[in-house]
Amino acid sequence: MFGLSSLELRLAFYGVLLAAIGGWLIYERHHLIAEGEARIKAQDATARADQKVKDDQNHAQIVNELQADNASLRTLANQPVHSLRLCIPSGNVRALASTTGAQSPLSTPAGESGRGVLAGATELEIGPTVSDIAWAQGVVSSYRARTWEWAVSQAK
């Protein structure tokens, strides 16, 4: 047949068979690689979706906390401002008190000490008020720093 001996025909047959098997193996290898890549892509998409849900929850929690902080700061800002007088008012307060019959606001009865007044003293004690101001400044600084950090993280 075709002028080939039986040995040559066998070799040609085995060569074609070997080429077919090799082609099939290459196809299967490619097919398995493609399946693996598709599986990895699906897992990656699932992981991204899960991470997006977690990120959205964290974002919502941070926004809610910032809104709560804003509300508390607005409440503090809307409270009436208490004035702090660092000096004794001009004029004789005791003389005014004695003419009206009222007790001087800068003095306390003997043995008692009211808030902001030292016992037996005629001056206001400004320490508690100053510490309240310092505390409020700390709250505002903390809020400002957290707001800045949040804004920077959102800009990324």
N, C-alpha and C. Protein backbone atom coordinates (compact mmCIF):
# COMPACT_ATOMS: atom_id res chain seq x y z
N MET A 1 0.83 -1.17 0.00
CA MET A 1 0.00 0.00 0.00
C MET A 1 0.88 1.24 0.00
N PHE A 2 0.56 2.15 -0.87
CA PHE A 2 1.28 3.41 -1.10
C PHE A 2 2.76 3.20 -1.33
N GLY A 3 3.13 2.02 -1.62
CA GLY A 3 4.52 1.70 -1.88
C GLY A 3 5.36 1.66 -0.63
N LEU A 4 4.69 1.45 0.53
CA LEU A 4 5.41 1.40 1.80
C LEU A 4 5.36 -0.01 2.35
N SER A 5 6.39 -0.37 3.02
CA SER A 5 6.42 -1.70 3.62
C SER A 5 5.55 -1.69 4.88
N SER A 6 5.30 -2.86 5.38
CA SER A 6 4.44 -2.97 6.56
C SER A 6 5.09 -2.30 7.77
N LEU A 7 6.39 -2.34 7.86
CA LEU A 7 7.08 -1.68 8.96
C LEU A 7 6.90 -0.17 8.87
N GLU A 8 7.01 0.35 7.68
CA GLU A 8 6.84 1.79 7.50
C GLU A 8 5.41 2.21 7.78
N LEU A 9 4.45 1.38 7.38
CA LEU A 9 3.05 1.68 7.67
C LEU A 9 2.78 1.68 9.17
N ARG A 10 3.34 0.68 9.85
CA ARG A 10 3.18 0.64 11.30
C ARG A 10 3.78 1.88 11.95
N LEU A 11 4.98 2.24 11.52
CA LEU A 11 5.62 3.42 12.09
C LEU A 11 4.77 4.67 11.82
N ALA A 12 4.22 4.79 10.63
CA ALA A 12 3.38 5.93 10.30
C ALA A 12 2.12 5.91 11.17
N PHE A 13 1.53 4.71 11.33
CA PHE A 13 0.34 4.61 12.17
C PHE A 13 0.64 5.01 13.61
N TYR A 14 1.74 4.48 14.14
CA TYR A 14 2.11 4.82 15.52
C TYR A 14 2.47 6.30 15.65
N GLY A 15 3.05 6.86 14.63
CA GLY A 15 3.38 8.29 14.64
C GLY A 15 2.12 9.14 14.68
N VAL A 16 1.12 8.76 13.86
CA VAL A 16 -0.16 9.49 13.85
C VAL A 16 -0.86 9.29 15.19
N LEU A 17 -0.84 8.05 15.70
CA LEU A 17 -1.45 7.78 17.00
C LEU A 17 -0.76 8.58 18.11
N LEU A 18 0.54 8.63 18.10
CA LEU A 18 1.30 9.38 19.10
C LEU A 18 1.00 10.87 18.99
N ALA A 19 0.87 11.38 17.77
CA ALA A 19 0.55 12.79 17.57
C ALA A 19 -0.86 13.08 18.08
N ALA A 20 -1.80 12.15 17.86
CA ALA A 20 -3.18 12.35 18.34
C ALA A 20 -3.21 12.34 19.86
N ILE A 21 -2.51 11.38 20.47
CA ILE A 21 -2.46 11.31 21.94
C ILE A 21 -1.80 12.57 22.50
N GLY A 22 -0.72 13.02 21.89
CA GLY A 22 -0.04 14.25 22.32
C GLY A 22 -0.95 15.46 22.21
N GLY A 23 -1.69 15.54 21.10
CA GLY A 23 -2.64 16.65 20.92
C GLY A 23 -3.73 16.61 21.97
N TRP A 24 -4.23 15.38 22.24
CA TRP A 24 -5.28 15.26 23.25
C TRP A 24 -4.75 15.65 24.63
N LEU A 25 -3.53 15.25 24.97
CA LEU A 25 -2.93 15.62 26.27
C LEU A 25 -2.74 17.13 26.38
N ILE A 26 -2.30 17.75 25.30
CA ILE A 26 -2.13 19.21 25.32
C ILE A 26 -3.49 19.89 25.52
N TYR A 27 -4.51 19.37 24.81
CA TYR A 27 -5.86 19.93 24.96
C TYR A 27 -6.36 19.78 26.40
N GLU A 28 -6.19 18.59 26.99
CA GLU A 28 -6.64 18.35 28.36
C GLU A 28 -5.89 19.24 29.35
N ARG A 29 -4.59 19.38 29.14
CA ARG A 29 -3.81 20.24 30.03
C ARG A 29 -4.34 21.67 29.97
N HIS A 30 -4.55 22.16 28.77
CA HIS A 30 -5.07 23.52 28.60
C HIS A 30 -6.46 23.64 29.24
N HIS A 31 -7.29 22.61 29.03
CA HIS A 31 -8.64 22.62 29.58
C HIS A 31 -8.61 22.65 31.11
N LEU A 32 -7.75 21.84 31.73
CA LEU A 32 -7.63 21.81 33.18
C LEU A 32 -7.12 23.16 33.72
N ILE A 33 -6.16 23.74 33.03
CA ILE A 33 -5.64 25.05 33.45
C ILE A 33 -6.74 26.11 33.37
N ALA A 34 -7.51 26.08 32.30
CA ALA A 34 -8.60 27.05 32.14
C ALA A 34 -9.65 26.87 33.23
N GLU A 35 -9.99 25.62 33.58
CA GLU A 35 -10.95 25.38 34.66
C GLU A 35 -10.42 25.92 35.99
N GLY A 36 -9.14 25.67 36.25
CA GLY A 36 -8.53 26.16 37.50
C GLY A 36 -8.55 27.68 37.57
N GLU A 37 -8.23 28.32 36.46
CA GLU A 37 -8.25 29.79 36.44
C GLU A 37 -9.66 30.32 36.63
N ALA A 38 -10.65 29.66 36.04
CA ALA A 38 -12.04 30.08 36.21
C ALA A 38 -12.47 29.92 37.67
N ARG A 39 -12.06 28.83 38.30
CA ARG A 39 -12.38 28.61 39.71
C ARG A 39 -11.72 29.68 40.59
N ILE A 40 -10.48 30.01 40.31
CA ILE A 40 -9.77 31.04 41.07
C ILE A 40 -10.44 32.40 40.88
N LYS A 41 -10.85 32.72 39.66
CA LYS A 41 -11.53 33.99 39.41
C LYS A 41 -12.86 34.06 40.16
N ALA A 42 -13.59 32.94 40.20
CA ALA A 42 -14.86 32.92 40.93
C ALA A 42 -14.63 33.12 42.43
N GLN A 43 -13.62 32.45 42.98
CA GLN A 43 -13.29 32.61 44.41
C GLN A 43 -12.85 34.05 44.69
N ASP A 44 -12.08 34.62 43.79
CA ASP A 44 -11.63 36.00 43.95
C ASP A 44 -12.82 36.97 43.93
N ALA A 45 -13.75 36.74 43.03
CA ALA A 45 -14.94 37.61 42.96
C ALA A 45 -15.76 37.49 44.24
N THR A 46 -15.89 36.27 44.76
CA THR A 46 -16.63 36.07 46.01
C THR A 46 -15.93 36.78 47.16
N ALA A 47 -14.60 36.64 47.23
CA ALA A 47 -13.84 37.30 48.30
C ALA A 47 -13.96 38.82 48.20
N ARG A 48 -13.92 39.35 46.98
CA ARG A 48 -14.08 40.80 46.81
C ARG A 48 -15.46 41.27 47.25
N ALA A 49 -16.48 40.50 46.91
CA ALA A 49 -17.84 40.86 47.32
C ALA A 49 -17.97 40.84 48.84
N ASP A 50 -17.40 39.81 49.48
CA ASP A 50 -17.44 39.74 50.94
C ASP A 50 -16.69 40.91 51.57
N GLN A 51 -15.54 41.25 51.01
CA GLN A 51 -14.76 42.37 51.55
C GLN A 51 -15.50 43.69 51.35
N LYS A 52 -16.20 43.83 50.23
CA LYS A 52 -16.96 45.05 49.98
C LYS A 52 -18.08 45.20 51.00
N VAL A 53 -18.74 44.09 51.35
CA VAL A 53 -19.79 44.14 52.36
C VAL A 53 -19.20 44.57 53.71
N LYS A 54 -18.05 43.99 54.07
CA LYS A 54 -17.40 44.36 55.34
C LYS A 54 -16.98 45.82 55.32
N ASP A 55 -16.42 46.28 54.21
CA ASP A 55 -16.00 47.68 54.10
C ASP A 55 -17.20 48.62 54.21
N ASP A 56 -18.31 48.25 53.59
CA ASP A 56 -19.51 49.08 53.67
C ASP A 56 -20.04 49.14 55.10
N GLN A 57 -19.99 48.01 55.80
CA GLN A 57 -20.44 48.00 57.20
C GLN A 57 -19.53 48.88 58.06
N ASN A 58 -18.20 48.75 57.87
CA ASN A 58 -17.26 49.59 58.63
C ASN A 58 -17.47 51.06 58.31
N HIS A 59 -17.68 51.37 57.04
CA HIS A 59 -17.90 52.75 56.64
C HIS A 59 -19.16 53.30 57.29
N ALA A 60 -20.23 52.51 57.28
CA ALA A 60 -21.49 52.95 57.90
C ALA A 60 -21.31 53.16 59.40
N GLN A 61 -20.56 52.27 60.05
CA GLN A 61 -20.33 52.41 61.49
C GLN A 61 -19.54 53.67 61.79
N ILE A 62 -18.51 53.94 61.00
CA ILE A 62 -17.69 55.15 61.21
C ILE A 62 -18.53 56.40 60.98
N VAL A 63 -19.33 56.39 59.93
CA VAL A 63 -20.18 57.55 59.65
C VAL A 63 -21.18 57.77 60.78
N ASN A 64 -21.78 56.68 61.28
CA ASN A 64 -22.72 56.81 62.39
C ASN A 64 -22.04 57.36 63.64
N GLU A 65 -20.82 56.89 63.93
CA GLU A 65 -20.09 57.40 65.08
C GLU A 65 -19.76 58.87 64.91
N LEU A 66 -19.34 59.26 63.71
CA LEU A 66 -19.04 60.67 63.47
C LEU A 66 -20.30 61.53 63.57
N GLN A 67 -21.43 61.02 63.09
CA GLN A 67 -22.67 61.77 63.21
C GLN A 67 -23.08 61.91 64.67
N ALA A 68 -22.87 60.86 65.46
CA ALA A 68 -23.17 60.94 66.89
C ALA A 68 -22.25 61.97 67.56
N ASP A 69 -20.96 61.95 67.20
CA ASP A 69 -20.03 62.95 67.74
C ASP A 69 -20.44 64.35 67.34
N ASN A 70 -20.85 64.51 66.08
CA ASN A 70 -21.31 65.83 65.61
C ASN A 70 -22.53 66.28 66.40
N ALA A 71 -23.45 65.35 66.64
CA ALA A 71 -24.66 65.70 67.39
C ALA A 71 -24.31 66.13 68.81
N SER A 72 -23.39 65.40 69.45
CA SER A 72 -23.02 65.78 70.81
C SER A 72 -22.28 67.11 70.82
N LEU A 73 -21.45 67.35 69.81
CA LEU A 73 -20.76 68.64 69.75
C LEU A 73 -21.75 69.77 69.45
N ARG A 74 -22.75 69.50 68.61
CA ARG A 74 -23.78 70.52 68.36
C ARG A 74 -24.55 70.83 69.64
N THR A 75 -24.84 69.77 70.41
CA THR A 75 -25.53 69.97 71.68
C THR A 75 -24.69 70.83 72.61
N LEU A 76 -23.40 70.53 72.69
CA LEU A 76 -22.50 71.34 73.52
C LEU A 76 -22.42 72.77 73.00
N ALA A 77 -22.40 72.92 71.68
CA ALA A 77 -22.28 74.26 71.11
C ALA A 77 -23.55 75.08 71.32
N ASN A 78 -24.70 74.41 71.40
CA ASN A 78 -25.96 75.12 71.58
C ASN A 78 -26.28 75.44 73.03
N GLN A 79 -25.48 74.92 73.95
CA GLN A 79 -25.70 75.24 75.35
C GLN A 79 -25.31 76.70 75.59
N PRO A 80 -25.95 77.34 76.56
CA PRO A 80 -25.61 78.73 76.82
C PRO A 80 -24.16 78.85 77.29
N VAL A 81 -23.54 79.91 76.88
CA VAL A 81 -22.14 80.14 77.24
C VAL A 81 -22.09 80.76 78.63
N HIS A 82 -21.34 80.13 79.49
CA HIS A 82 -21.15 80.68 80.83
C HIS A 82 -19.94 81.59 80.78
N SER A 83 -20.16 82.83 81.18
CA SER A 83 -19.04 83.77 81.12
C SER A 83 -18.12 83.53 82.31
N LEU A 84 -16.88 83.79 82.10
CA LEU A 84 -15.87 83.63 83.13
C LEU A 84 -15.24 84.98 83.36
N ARG A 85 -15.43 85.49 84.53
CA ARG A 85 -14.88 86.79 84.87
C ARG A 85 -13.60 86.56 85.65
N LEU A 86 -12.50 87.03 85.11
CA LEU A 86 -11.20 86.78 85.73
C LEU A 86 -10.79 87.89 86.70
N CYS A 87 -11.58 88.93 86.79
CA CYS A 87 -11.24 89.98 87.74
C CYS A 87 -12.49 90.36 88.52
N ILE A 88 -12.29 90.95 89.68
CA ILE A 88 -13.41 91.39 90.50
C ILE A 88 -14.01 92.62 89.84
N PRO A 89 -15.34 92.70 89.76
CA PRO A 89 -15.95 93.84 89.09
C PRO A 89 -15.58 95.16 89.76
N SER A 90 -15.53 96.18 88.93
CA SER A 90 -15.20 97.48 89.50
C SER A 90 -16.35 97.97 90.38
N GLY A 91 -16.04 98.77 91.33
CA GLY A 91 -17.06 99.25 92.27
C GLY A 91 -17.02 98.43 93.53
N ASN A 92 -17.60 98.91 94.57
CA ASN A 92 -17.57 98.24 95.85
C ASN A 92 -18.79 97.34 95.95
N VAL A 93 -18.61 96.05 95.76
CA VAL A 93 -19.71 95.10 95.78
C VAL A 93 -20.28 95.00 97.19
N ARG A 94 -19.44 95.05 98.20
CA ARG A 94 -19.93 94.93 99.58
C ARG A 94 -20.76 96.14 99.95
N ALA A 95 -20.35 97.31 99.44
CA ALA A 95 -21.13 98.51 99.76
C ALA A 95 -22.50 98.39 99.10
N LEU A 96 -22.54 97.87 97.85
CA LEU A 96 -23.80 97.69 97.16
C LEU A 96 -24.66 96.67 97.89
N ALA A 97 -24.06 95.60 98.38
CA ALA A 97 -24.80 94.57 99.09
C ALA A 97 -25.35 95.11 100.40
N SER A 98 -24.58 95.95 101.09
CA SER A 98 -25.05 96.44 102.38
C SER A 98 -26.20 97.44 102.20
N THR A 99 -26.23 98.18 101.09
CA THR A 99 -27.31 99.13 100.88
C THR A 99 -28.60 98.44 100.47
N THR A 100 -28.47 97.30 99.75
CA THR A 100 -29.68 96.59 99.32
C THR A 100 -30.13 95.59 100.35
N GLY A 101 -29.28 95.27 101.31
CA GLY A 101 -29.63 94.29 102.32
C GLY A 101 -29.36 92.86 101.88
N ALA A 102 -28.83 92.69 100.68
CA ALA A 102 -28.53 91.34 100.18
C ALA A 102 -27.10 90.98 100.52
N GLN A 103 -26.83 89.70 100.54
CA GLN A 103 -25.48 89.22 100.81
C GLN A 103 -24.64 89.35 99.55
N SER A 104 -23.38 89.69 99.71
CA SER A 104 -22.48 89.85 98.56
C SER A 104 -22.32 88.52 97.85
N PRO A 105 -22.36 88.52 96.51
CA PRO A 105 -22.19 87.26 95.79
C PRO A 105 -20.77 86.74 95.86
N LEU A 106 -19.83 87.53 96.28
CA LEU A 106 -18.43 87.11 96.32
C LEU A 106 -18.02 86.58 97.68
N SER A 107 -18.90 86.62 98.65
CA SER A 107 -18.53 86.11 99.97
C SER A 107 -19.46 84.97 100.34
N THR A 108 -19.01 84.12 101.23
CA THR A 108 -19.83 83.01 101.67
C THR A 108 -19.98 83.11 103.18
N PRO A 109 -21.02 82.53 103.69
CA PRO A 109 -21.16 82.52 105.15
C PRO A 109 -19.99 81.78 105.77
N ALA A 110 -19.66 82.10 106.97
CA ALA A 110 -18.51 81.51 107.66
C ALA A 110 -18.66 79.99 107.72
N GLY A 111 -17.59 79.28 107.37
CA GLY A 111 -17.57 77.83 107.44
C GLY A 111 -18.13 77.13 106.22
N GLU A 112 -18.71 77.83 105.27
CA GLU A 112 -19.25 77.20 104.07
C GLU A 112 -18.39 77.55 102.87
N SER A 113 -18.36 76.65 101.93
CA SER A 113 -17.67 76.96 100.68
C SER A 113 -18.55 76.52 99.53
N GLY A 114 -18.96 77.45 98.72
CA GLY A 114 -19.80 77.14 97.56
C GLY A 114 -18.93 76.85 96.36
N ARG A 115 -19.54 76.36 95.30
CA ARG A 115 -18.78 76.06 94.08
C ARG A 115 -18.24 77.36 93.51
N GLY A 116 -16.97 77.37 93.25
CA GLY A 116 -16.35 78.54 92.65
C GLY A 116 -15.92 79.59 93.66
N VAL A 117 -16.20 79.38 94.93
CA VAL A 117 -15.82 80.38 95.93
C VAL A 117 -15.03 79.68 97.01
N LEU A 118 -13.87 80.23 97.33
CA LEU A 118 -13.07 79.69 98.41
C LEU A 118 -13.70 80.07 99.74
N ALA A 119 -13.63 79.22 100.74
CA ALA A 119 -14.25 79.48 102.04
C ALA A 119 -13.61 80.71 102.68
N GLY A 120 -14.44 81.66 103.02
CA GLY A 120 -13.97 82.87 103.69
C GLY A 120 -13.26 83.83 102.76
N ALA A 121 -13.22 83.57 101.45
CA ALA A 121 -12.50 84.44 100.52
C ALA A 121 -13.49 85.35 99.81
N THR A 122 -12.96 86.40 99.23
CA THR A 122 -13.81 87.33 98.50
C THR A 122 -13.52 87.28 97.01
N GLU A 123 -12.80 86.25 96.54
CA GLU A 123 -12.47 86.12 95.12
C GLU A 123 -13.08 84.83 94.58
N LEU A 124 -13.40 84.84 93.30
CA LEU A 124 -13.89 83.64 92.65
C LEU A 124 -12.74 82.68 92.40
N GLU A 125 -13.00 81.41 92.57
CA GLU A 125 -12.01 80.40 92.22
C GLU A 125 -12.30 79.97 90.79
N ILE A 126 -11.36 80.20 89.89
CA ILE A 126 -11.61 79.93 88.47
C ILE A 126 -11.07 78.58 88.03
N GLY A 127 -10.46 77.84 88.92
CA GLY A 127 -9.85 76.55 88.56
C GLY A 127 -10.81 75.58 87.91
N PRO A 128 -11.99 75.28 88.51
CA PRO A 128 -12.90 74.32 87.88
C PRO A 128 -13.38 74.77 86.51
N THR A 129 -13.62 76.05 86.34
CA THR A 129 -14.10 76.56 85.06
C THR A 129 -13.02 76.42 84.00
N VAL A 130 -11.78 76.73 84.35
CA VAL A 130 -10.67 76.61 83.41
C VAL A 130 -10.46 75.14 83.03
N SER A 131 -10.60 74.25 84.00
CA SER A 131 -10.44 72.82 83.67
C SER A 131 -11.56 72.35 82.75
N ASP A 132 -12.78 72.90 82.91
CA ASP A 132 -13.88 72.56 81.99
C ASP A 132 -13.57 73.05 80.58
N ILE A 133 -12.99 74.23 80.48
CA ILE A 133 -12.61 74.77 79.17
C ILE A 133 -11.53 73.89 78.53
N ALA A 134 -10.57 73.48 79.33
CA ALA A 134 -9.50 72.62 78.82
C ALA A 134 -10.07 71.28 78.35
N TRP A 135 -11.02 70.72 79.10
CA TRP A 135 -11.65 69.47 78.70
C TRP A 135 -12.37 69.63 77.37
N ALA A 136 -13.13 70.72 77.23
CA ALA A 136 -13.87 70.96 75.98
C ALA A 136 -12.91 71.12 74.81
N GLN A 137 -11.79 71.78 75.05
CA GLN A 137 -10.80 71.94 73.99
C GLN A 137 -10.24 70.59 73.58
N GLY A 138 -10.04 69.70 74.55
CA GLY A 138 -9.56 68.35 74.24
C GLY A 138 -10.56 67.58 73.40
N VAL A 139 -11.85 67.73 73.70
CA VAL A 139 -12.90 67.07 72.92
C VAL A 139 -12.89 67.58 71.49
N VAL A 140 -12.79 68.90 71.33
CA VAL A 140 -12.79 69.48 69.98
C VAL A 140 -11.56 69.03 69.21
N SER A 141 -10.40 69.00 69.86
CA SER A 141 -9.17 68.56 69.19
C SER A 141 -9.27 67.10 68.76
N SER A 142 -9.81 66.26 69.64
CA SER A 142 -9.97 64.85 69.31
C SER A 142 -10.92 64.67 68.13
N TYR A 143 -12.02 65.39 68.14
CA TYR A 143 -12.98 65.31 67.05
C TYR A 143 -12.34 65.77 65.74
N ARG A 144 -11.59 66.85 65.82
CA ARG A 144 -10.94 67.38 64.61
C ARG A 144 -9.94 66.38 64.04
N ALA A 145 -9.16 65.76 64.93
CA ALA A 145 -8.16 64.78 64.47
C ALA A 145 -8.85 63.58 63.84
N ARG A 146 -9.92 63.06 64.47
CA ARG A 146 -10.63 61.90 63.91
C ARG A 146 -11.29 62.25 62.59
N THR A 147 -11.82 63.46 62.49
CA THR A 147 -12.45 63.88 61.24
C THR A 147 -11.40 63.96 60.14
N TRP A 148 -10.24 64.49 60.45
CA TRP A 148 -9.17 64.60 59.46
C TRP A 148 -8.72 63.21 59.00
N GLU A 149 -8.54 62.28 59.96
CA GLU A 149 -8.13 60.93 59.61
C GLU A 149 -9.18 60.26 58.72
N TRP A 150 -10.45 60.46 59.04
CA TRP A 150 -11.51 59.88 58.25
C TRP A 150 -11.50 60.46 56.84
N ALA A 151 -11.32 61.78 56.74
CA ALA A 151 -11.32 62.43 55.42
C ALA A 151 -10.14 61.94 54.58
N VAL A 152 -8.98 61.76 55.20
CA VAL A 152 -7.81 61.26 54.47
C VAL A 152 -8.06 59.83 54.01
N SER A 153 -8.66 59.01 54.88
CA SER A 153 -8.92 57.61 54.47
C SER A 153 -9.94 57.53 53.35
N GLN A 154 -10.89 58.46 53.31
CA GLN A 154 -11.88 58.45 52.25
C GLN A 154 -11.29 58.95 50.93
N ALA A 155 -10.25 59.77 51.00
CA ALA A 155 -9.64 60.33 49.79
C ALA A 155 -8.78 59.29 49.08
N LYS A 156 -8.42 58.21 49.76
CA LYS A 156 -7.55 57.19 49.14
C LYS A 156 -8.30 56.38 48.13
